[in-house]
């Protein structure tokens, strides 16, 4: 059985704090953050702009440009590579999601058009009121909006096809 424990952070001793109330690590991180950010942005731009990326040469460039150690330059490069790869993967996943949505919308449009055609064929029969088989998409109207469910479905189909970029002829 697992137990949940709570550990309260101990306060920093007063002798470790400087005159501003920060530790040496906090001061270092505050001073290093803008340098790291600029170096990471430049590295990401370099990764995106060139197809051949030489990590060793870029590491040397970062050391001389930003006056940072080799270890810090390596961490900047790793951070930027991770950010670039993550962005590329995210874009790929987004495209896959959009393709899935498009496929779903086109499938819905196809089913809705088939439903309307079957209903039109059913109501075109002379004796449809006494038919033993019912209609797949029965006709109903709204007194509030003064439209039928057919008109609403036709509007939805046209709006869906225009958003997906597919051109259609007017009418069914």
Protein backbone atom coordinates (compact mmCIF):
# COMPACT_ATOMS: atom_id res chain seq x y z
CA UNK A 1 0.00 0.00 0.00
CA UNK A 2 1.41 3.37 -0.95
CA UNK A 3 1.47 6.26 1.45
CA UNK A 4 1.27 9.90 0.62
CA UNK A 5 3.68 12.12 2.46
CA UNK A 6 4.04 15.86 2.56
CA UNK A 7 7.44 17.51 2.73
CA UNK A 8 7.53 21.16 3.58
CA UNK A 9 10.38 23.13 2.01
CA UNK A 10 12.83 24.40 4.56
CA UNK A 11 13.49 28.13 4.57
CA UNK A 12 16.80 29.30 3.18
CA UNK A 13 19.24 30.32 5.94
CA UNK A 14 19.81 34.07 6.12
CA UNK A 15 23.57 33.73 5.58
CA UNK A 16 22.96 32.19 2.10
CA UNK A 17 20.91 35.19 0.93
CA UNK A 18 22.44 38.30 -0.62
CA UNK A 19 21.33 41.87 0.05
CA UNK A 20 18.40 41.50 -2.39
CA UNK A 21 17.10 38.38 -0.65
CA UNK A 22 18.12 35.90 -3.36
CA UNK A 23 20.52 32.98 -3.34
CA UNK A 24 23.53 32.84 -5.66
CA UNK A 25 21.76 30.27 -7.83
CA UNK A 26 18.70 32.49 -8.25
CA UNK A 27 20.88 35.44 -9.24
CA UNK A 28 22.79 33.28 -11.74
CA UNK A 29 19.59 31.96 -13.30
CA UNK A 30 18.09 35.44 -13.60
CA UNK A 31 21.24 36.71 -15.33
CA UNK A 32 21.67 33.65 -17.55
CA UNK A 33 18.04 33.40 -18.80
CA UNK A 34 18.26 36.20 -21.46
CA UNK A 35 21.56 34.82 -22.78
CA UNK A 36 20.14 31.29 -23.00
CA UNK A 37 17.00 32.58 -24.72
CA UNK A 38 18.92 34.49 -27.41
CA UNK A 39 21.26 31.56 -28.03
CA UNK A 40 18.36 29.09 -28.24
CA UNK A 41 16.45 31.30 -30.69
CA UNK A 42 19.52 31.69 -32.91
CA UNK A 43 20.16 27.94 -32.78
CA UNK A 44 16.55 27.12 -33.66
CA UNK A 45 16.69 29.53 -36.62
CA UNK A 46 19.92 27.91 -37.78
CA UNK A 47 18.41 24.43 -37.48
CA UNK A 48 15.37 25.48 -39.51
CA UNK A 49 17.28 27.39 -42.18
CA UNK A 50 20.10 24.98 -43.02
CA UNK A 51 19.87 21.34 -43.97
CA UNK A 52 23.38 20.46 -42.80
CA UNK A 53 23.88 21.32 -39.13
CA UNK A 54 27.35 20.80 -37.70
CA UNK A 55 26.93 20.55 -33.95
CA UNK A 56 30.64 20.97 -33.20
CA UNK A 57 31.03 24.16 -35.23
CA UNK A 58 27.80 25.58 -33.85
CA UNK A 59 28.91 24.76 -30.31
CA UNK A 60 32.10 26.76 -30.92
CA UNK A 61 30.09 29.62 -32.44
CA UNK A 62 27.82 29.80 -29.39
CA UNK A 63 30.79 29.75 -27.00
CA UNK A 64 32.49 32.65 -28.75
CA UNK A 65 29.32 34.68 -29.47
CA UNK A 66 27.67 34.46 -26.07
CA UNK A 67 30.73 33.84 -23.89
CA UNK A 68 29.31 30.64 -22.40
CA UNK A 69 30.93 27.34 -21.49
CA UNK A 70 30.93 24.27 -23.73
CA UNK A 71 28.46 22.52 -21.43
CA UNK A 72 26.04 25.45 -21.59
CA UNK A 73 26.36 25.63 -25.39
CA UNK A 74 25.60 21.91 -25.59
CA UNK A 75 22.49 22.36 -23.49
CA UNK A 76 21.35 25.25 -25.71
CA UNK A 77 21.76 23.06 -28.80
CA UNK A 78 19.90 20.13 -27.20
CA UNK A 79 17.09 22.41 -26.07
CA UNK A 80 16.73 23.98 -29.53
CA UNK A 81 16.84 20.61 -31.31
CA UNK A 82 14.11 19.30 -29.01
CA UNK A 83 11.95 22.37 -29.61
CA UNK A 84 12.34 22.14 -33.40
CA UNK A 85 11.61 18.40 -33.50
CA UNK A 86 8.62 18.86 -31.21
CA UNK A 87 7.22 21.61 -33.45
CA UNK A 88 7.66 19.45 -36.56
CA UNK A 89 5.95 16.49 -34.92
CA UNK A 90 3.13 18.72 -33.67
CA UNK A 91 2.54 20.03 -37.19
CA UNK A 92 2.44 16.48 -38.58
CA UNK A 93 -0.09 15.46 -35.94
CA UNK A 94 -2.18 18.54 -36.68
CA UNK A 95 -2.25 17.70 -40.40
CA UNK A 96 -3.34 14.14 -39.60
CA UNK A 97 -6.13 15.47 -37.37
CA UNK A 98 -7.31 17.87 -40.08
CA UNK A 99 -7.30 15.07 -42.67
CA UNK A 100 -9.42 12.97 -40.31
CA UNK A 101 -11.88 15.82 -39.82
CA UNK A 102 -12.10 16.39 -43.57
CA UNK A 103 -12.73 12.69 -44.17
CA UNK A 104 -15.46 12.72 -41.52
CA UNK A 105 -17.14 15.80 -43.01
CA UNK A 106 -17.06 14.37 -46.53
CA UNK A 107 -18.50 11.09 -45.24
CA UNK A 108 -21.30 12.99 -43.45
CA UNK A 109 -22.08 14.98 -46.60
CA UNK A 110 -22.23 11.80 -48.67
CA UNK A 111 -24.63 10.15 -46.19
CA UNK A 112 -26.81 13.26 -45.95
CA UNK A 113 -27.09 13.61 -49.72
CA UNK A 114 -28.03 9.93 -49.97
CA UNK A 115 -30.65 10.44 -47.25
CA UNK A 116 -32.17 13.39 -49.15
CA UNK A 117 -32.21 11.51 -52.48
CA UNK A 118 -33.91 8.51 -50.89
CA UNK A 119 -36.50 10.78 -49.25
CA UNK A 120 -37.15 12.62 -52.52
CA UNK A 121 -37.59 9.30 -54.31
CA UNK A 122 -39.99 8.11 -51.57
CA UNK A 123 -42.15 11.25 -51.64
CA UNK A 124 -42.23 11.24 -55.45
CA UNK A 125 -44.31 8.06 -55.38
CA UNK A 126 -48.00 8.58 -56.01
CA UNK A 127 -49.32 6.64 -53.03
CA UNK A 128 -46.57 7.37 -50.48
CA UNK A 129 -49.06 7.95 -47.63
CA UNK A 130 -50.11 4.29 -47.70
CA UNK A 131 -46.64 2.83 -48.15
CA UNK A 132 -45.80 -0.13 -45.92
CA UNK A 133 -42.16 0.95 -45.70
CA UNK A 134 -41.43 4.25 -44.06
CA UNK A 135 -39.18 7.00 -45.26
CA UNK A 136 -35.58 7.07 -44.08
CA UNK A 137 -35.65 10.86 -43.67
CA UNK A 138 -39.20 11.95 -42.93
CA UNK A 139 -40.30 15.48 -43.69
CA UNK A 140 -40.95 17.75 -40.71
CA UNK A 141 -41.28 21.48 -40.35
CA UNK A 142 -40.54 23.98 -37.62
CA UNK A 143 -43.25 26.51 -36.81
CA UNK A 144 -40.75 28.65 -34.94
CA UNK A 145 -38.22 28.98 -37.79
CA UNK A 146 -40.65 28.34 -40.68
CA UNK A 147 -38.38 25.87 -42.40
CA UNK A 148 -38.27 22.15 -42.94
CA UNK A 149 -35.65 19.67 -41.89
CA UNK A 150 -34.88 19.16 -45.58
CA UNK A 151 -34.03 22.84 -46.01
CA UNK A 152 -31.88 22.72 -42.92
CA UNK A 153 -29.99 19.64 -44.12
CA UNK A 154 -29.48 21.15 -47.59
CA UNK A 155 -28.09 24.30 -45.96
CA UNK A 156 -25.74 22.27 -43.79
CA UNK A 157 -24.53 20.28 -46.81
CA UNK A 158 -23.84 23.41 -48.86
CA UNK A 159 -22.10 25.12 -45.96
CA UNK A 160 -19.98 22.02 -45.28
CA UNK A 161 -18.93 21.63 -48.91
CA UNK A 162 -18.07 25.28 -49.34
CA UNK A 163 -15.88 25.20 -46.21
CA UNK A 164 -14.07 22.09 -47.43
CA UNK A 165 -13.30 23.81 -50.74
CA UNK A 166 -15.29 21.46 -52.94
CA UNK A 167 -17.44 23.14 -55.61
CA UNK A 168 -20.97 21.91 -56.17
CA UNK A 169 -23.72 22.59 -58.63
CA UNK A 170 -26.77 24.40 -57.22
CA UNK A 171 -29.68 22.14 -56.32
CA UNK A 172 -29.87 18.40 -55.89
